[in-house]
N, C-alpha and C. Protein backbone atom coordinates (compact mmCIF):
# COMPACT_ATOMS: atom_id res chain seq x y z
N MET A 1 74.17 6.07 -25.29
CA MET A 1 73.24 6.89 -26.05
C MET A 1 72.12 7.35 -25.13
N ARG A 2 71.85 8.62 -25.18
CA ARG A 2 70.76 9.16 -24.36
C ARG A 2 69.44 8.94 -25.06
N ASP A 3 68.49 8.42 -24.30
CA ASP A 3 67.19 8.19 -24.92
C ASP A 3 66.02 8.64 -24.05
N ALA A 4 66.31 9.24 -22.90
CA ALA A 4 65.25 9.75 -22.04
C ALA A 4 65.21 11.28 -22.15
N ALA A 5 64.04 11.79 -22.47
CA ALA A 5 63.88 13.24 -22.62
C ALA A 5 63.53 13.88 -21.29
N ILE A 6 64.10 15.06 -21.05
CA ILE A 6 63.75 15.89 -19.90
C ILE A 6 63.42 17.27 -20.47
N ASN A 7 62.20 17.69 -20.31
CA ASN A 7 61.77 18.98 -20.85
C ASN A 7 61.44 19.93 -19.71
N LEU A 8 61.81 21.18 -19.86
CA LEU A 8 61.44 22.18 -18.88
C LEU A 8 61.35 23.55 -19.52
N ARG A 9 60.64 24.43 -18.86
CA ARG A 9 60.48 25.79 -19.36
C ARG A 9 61.29 26.72 -18.46
N ALA A 10 61.87 27.74 -19.07
CA ALA A 10 62.69 28.71 -18.32
C ALA A 10 62.39 30.10 -18.84
N LEU A 11 62.70 31.07 -18.02
CA LEU A 11 62.62 32.46 -18.46
C LEU A 11 63.76 32.72 -19.45
N PRO A 12 63.56 33.63 -20.38
CA PRO A 12 64.62 33.92 -21.34
C PRO A 12 65.96 34.28 -20.68
N GLU A 13 65.90 35.05 -19.60
CA GLU A 13 67.15 35.42 -18.93
C GLU A 13 67.83 34.22 -18.26
N GLN A 14 67.02 33.25 -17.81
CA GLN A 14 67.61 32.02 -17.25
C GLN A 14 68.30 31.23 -18.36
N ARG A 15 67.61 31.09 -19.49
CA ARG A 15 68.19 30.38 -20.62
C ARG A 15 69.48 31.05 -21.07
N ASP A 16 69.47 32.38 -21.15
CA ASP A 16 70.66 33.11 -21.59
C ASP A 16 71.83 32.90 -20.62
N LEU A 17 71.54 32.93 -19.33
CA LEU A 17 72.58 32.71 -18.34
C LEU A 17 73.17 31.31 -18.47
N ILE A 18 72.30 30.33 -18.62
CA ILE A 18 72.75 28.94 -18.79
C ILE A 18 73.58 28.81 -20.05
N ASP A 19 73.11 29.38 -21.14
CA ASP A 19 73.86 29.32 -22.39
C ASP A 19 75.23 29.97 -22.26
N HIS A 20 75.28 31.11 -21.57
CA HIS A 20 76.55 31.80 -21.40
C HIS A 20 77.53 30.95 -20.58
N ALA A 21 77.06 30.40 -19.47
CA ALA A 21 77.91 29.56 -18.64
C ALA A 21 78.36 28.32 -19.40
N ALA A 22 77.46 27.71 -20.16
CA ALA A 22 77.82 26.53 -20.94
C ALA A 22 78.89 26.87 -21.96
N SER A 23 78.75 28.01 -22.61
CA SER A 23 79.73 28.38 -23.63
C SER A 23 81.10 28.66 -23.00
N LEU A 24 81.12 29.19 -21.78
CA LEU A 24 82.39 29.42 -21.10
C LEU A 24 83.14 28.11 -20.83
N LEU A 25 82.37 27.04 -20.69
CA LEU A 25 82.98 25.73 -20.46
C LEU A 25 83.12 24.90 -21.73
N GLY A 26 82.71 25.49 -22.85
CA GLY A 26 82.78 24.76 -24.12
C GLY A 26 81.77 23.64 -24.22
N LYS A 27 80.64 23.82 -23.57
CA LYS A 27 79.59 22.79 -23.58
C LYS A 27 78.34 23.35 -24.23
N ASN A 28 77.47 22.45 -24.66
CA ASN A 28 76.17 22.90 -25.14
C ASN A 28 75.21 22.96 -23.95
N ARG A 29 74.07 23.57 -24.17
CA ARG A 29 73.10 23.76 -23.09
C ARG A 29 72.69 22.44 -22.45
N SER A 30 72.38 21.45 -23.25
CA SER A 30 71.93 20.17 -22.69
C SER A 30 72.99 19.52 -21.82
N ASP A 31 74.23 19.47 -22.32
CA ASP A 31 75.30 18.85 -21.54
C ASP A 31 75.54 19.61 -20.24
N PHE A 32 75.54 20.94 -20.33
CA PHE A 32 75.75 21.77 -19.14
C PHE A 32 74.65 21.53 -18.11
N MET A 33 73.39 21.56 -18.56
CA MET A 33 72.28 21.41 -17.63
C MET A 33 72.24 20.01 -17.03
N LEU A 34 72.51 19.01 -17.84
CA LEU A 34 72.49 17.65 -17.32
C LEU A 34 73.60 17.45 -16.30
N GLU A 35 74.78 17.97 -16.58
CA GLU A 35 75.89 17.85 -15.64
C GLU A 35 75.57 18.58 -14.34
N ALA A 36 75.06 19.80 -14.44
CA ALA A 36 74.73 20.58 -13.25
C ALA A 36 73.63 19.90 -12.43
N ALA A 37 72.61 19.40 -13.10
CA ALA A 37 71.51 18.74 -12.39
C ALA A 37 71.99 17.46 -11.71
N CYS A 38 72.84 16.70 -12.37
CA CYS A 38 73.36 15.46 -11.78
C CYS A 38 74.26 15.75 -10.58
N GLU A 39 75.09 16.79 -10.68
CA GLU A 39 75.93 17.16 -9.54
C GLU A 39 75.07 17.54 -8.35
N ARG A 40 74.03 18.31 -8.58
CA ARG A 40 73.15 18.73 -7.49
C ARG A 40 72.40 17.53 -6.92
N ALA A 41 71.93 16.64 -7.79
CA ALA A 41 71.22 15.44 -7.32
C ALA A 41 72.13 14.57 -6.46
N GLN A 42 73.37 14.40 -6.88
CA GLN A 42 74.31 13.61 -6.08
C GLN A 42 74.55 14.26 -4.73
N ALA A 43 74.66 15.58 -4.70
CA ALA A 43 74.87 16.28 -3.43
C ALA A 43 73.69 16.08 -2.49
N VAL A 44 72.48 16.15 -3.03
CA VAL A 44 71.28 15.95 -2.21
C VAL A 44 71.26 14.54 -1.65
N VAL A 45 71.55 13.56 -2.47
CA VAL A 45 71.56 12.16 -2.01
C VAL A 45 72.64 11.97 -0.96
N LEU A 46 73.84 12.48 -1.22
CA LEU A 46 74.93 12.32 -0.25
C LEU A 46 74.63 13.02 1.07
N ASP A 47 73.92 14.14 1.02
CA ASP A 47 73.55 14.83 2.25
C ASP A 47 72.66 13.96 3.13
N GLN A 48 71.98 13.02 2.52
CA GLN A 48 71.10 12.13 3.27
C GLN A 48 71.82 10.93 3.84
N ILE A 49 73.00 10.58 3.29
CA ILE A 49 73.66 9.35 3.72
C ILE A 49 75.09 9.56 4.21
N HIS A 50 75.67 10.74 4.05
CA HIS A 50 77.06 10.97 4.41
C HIS A 50 77.17 12.22 5.28
N PHE A 51 77.88 12.09 6.37
CA PHE A 51 78.14 13.25 7.21
C PHE A 51 79.53 13.11 7.81
N THR A 52 80.12 14.20 8.19
CA THR A 52 81.47 14.18 8.76
C THR A 52 81.44 14.70 10.19
N LEU A 53 82.32 14.12 11.00
CA LEU A 53 82.42 14.51 12.40
C LEU A 53 83.90 14.61 12.78
N ASP A 54 84.20 15.50 13.72
CA ASP A 54 85.56 15.51 14.24
C ASP A 54 85.72 14.29 15.15
N ALA A 55 86.93 14.03 15.63
CA ALA A 55 87.21 12.82 16.39
C ALA A 55 86.35 12.70 17.65
N ASP A 56 86.17 13.81 18.38
CA ASP A 56 85.37 13.76 19.61
C ASP A 56 83.90 13.46 19.32
N LYS A 57 83.35 14.14 18.33
CA LYS A 57 81.94 13.92 17.98
C LYS A 57 81.74 12.51 17.43
N PHE A 58 82.73 12.00 16.68
CA PHE A 58 82.62 10.65 16.15
C PHE A 58 82.61 9.64 17.30
N GLN A 59 83.43 9.84 18.31
CA GLN A 59 83.44 8.93 19.46
C GLN A 59 82.11 8.99 20.20
N GLN A 60 81.55 10.20 20.35
CA GLN A 60 80.23 10.32 20.98
C GLN A 60 79.19 9.57 20.17
N PHE A 61 79.27 9.68 18.86
CA PHE A 61 78.34 8.97 17.97
C PHE A 61 78.47 7.46 18.17
N LEU A 62 79.71 6.95 18.19
CA LEU A 62 79.92 5.52 18.39
C LEU A 62 79.40 5.07 19.76
N ASP A 63 79.63 5.89 20.78
CA ASP A 63 79.14 5.55 22.11
C ASP A 63 77.62 5.44 22.12
N LEU A 64 76.95 6.36 21.43
CA LEU A 64 75.49 6.29 21.36
C LEU A 64 75.02 5.03 20.63
N LEU A 65 75.72 4.68 19.56
CA LEU A 65 75.35 3.47 18.83
C LEU A 65 75.56 2.21 19.66
N ASP A 66 76.62 2.21 20.47
CA ASP A 66 76.96 1.03 21.27
C ASP A 66 76.15 0.92 22.55
N ALA A 67 75.55 2.00 22.98
CA ALA A 67 74.79 2.00 24.24
C ALA A 67 73.52 1.15 24.09
N PRO A 68 73.15 0.49 25.17
CA PRO A 68 71.89 -0.28 25.09
C PRO A 68 70.71 0.69 24.93
N PRO A 69 69.66 0.24 24.29
CA PRO A 69 68.52 1.14 24.09
C PRO A 69 67.86 1.48 25.42
N LYS A 70 67.37 2.70 25.51
CA LYS A 70 66.65 3.13 26.70
C LYS A 70 65.22 2.62 26.61
N PRO A 71 64.61 2.37 27.74
CA PRO A 71 63.20 1.93 27.71
C PRO A 71 62.33 2.98 27.01
N ASN A 72 61.41 2.50 26.20
CA ASN A 72 60.51 3.40 25.48
C ASN A 72 59.10 2.84 25.58
N PRO A 73 58.36 3.26 26.60
CA PRO A 73 57.02 2.71 26.82
C PRO A 73 56.10 2.90 25.62
N GLY A 74 56.19 4.02 24.95
CA GLY A 74 55.33 4.25 23.79
C GLY A 74 55.61 3.26 22.68
N LEU A 75 56.87 2.99 22.44
CA LEU A 75 57.25 2.03 21.41
C LEU A 75 56.82 0.61 21.81
N GLU A 76 56.96 0.29 23.09
CA GLU A 76 56.52 -1.02 23.57
C GLU A 76 55.02 -1.20 23.37
N ARG A 77 54.23 -0.14 23.67
CA ARG A 77 52.78 -0.21 23.46
C ARG A 77 52.47 -0.41 21.98
N LEU A 78 53.18 0.32 21.12
CA LEU A 78 52.95 0.22 19.69
C LEU A 78 53.21 -1.20 19.20
N PHE A 79 54.32 -1.78 19.61
CA PHE A 79 54.64 -3.14 19.16
C PHE A 79 53.71 -4.19 19.74
N ALA A 80 53.05 -3.87 20.86
CA ALA A 80 52.13 -4.82 21.47
C ALA A 80 50.78 -4.85 20.75
N LEU A 81 50.48 -3.82 19.96
CA LEU A 81 49.21 -3.76 19.23
C LEU A 81 49.20 -4.76 18.08
N LYS A 82 48.04 -5.32 17.84
CA LYS A 82 47.88 -6.17 16.66
C LYS A 82 47.62 -5.28 15.45
N ALA A 83 48.19 -5.67 14.33
CA ALA A 83 47.96 -4.93 13.10
C ALA A 83 46.49 -5.10 12.68
N PRO A 84 45.89 -4.07 12.08
CA PRO A 84 44.48 -4.16 11.68
C PRO A 84 44.20 -5.37 10.79
N TRP A 85 45.13 -5.74 9.96
CA TRP A 85 44.90 -6.86 9.06
C TRP A 85 45.06 -8.21 9.75
N ASP A 86 45.60 -8.20 11.00
CA ASP A 86 45.74 -9.44 11.76
C ASP A 86 44.54 -9.68 12.69
N LYS A 87 43.68 -8.67 12.86
CA LYS A 87 42.53 -8.80 13.75
C LYS A 87 41.44 -9.62 13.07
N GLU A 88 40.80 -10.45 13.89
CA GLU A 88 39.69 -11.24 13.33
C GLU A 88 38.47 -11.15 14.17
């Protein structure tokens, strides 16, 4: 059971377009919009955590992950600093 409300305002032509597309799929406006929004949200999330590579690029990626870290003087300086809340 749906119990969370999502309200938004649209231009009449946007509403009409959504209604037309929903009717073509035999859905009501709410079901159509919720499905479309969820599909887009999933795509955005997956874009942040999933990517594809061909075999050569994947091997390069693995090689970079397996390589020892390069010296980073700036990072070393940062980690050597005491946190403000640790200073007395």
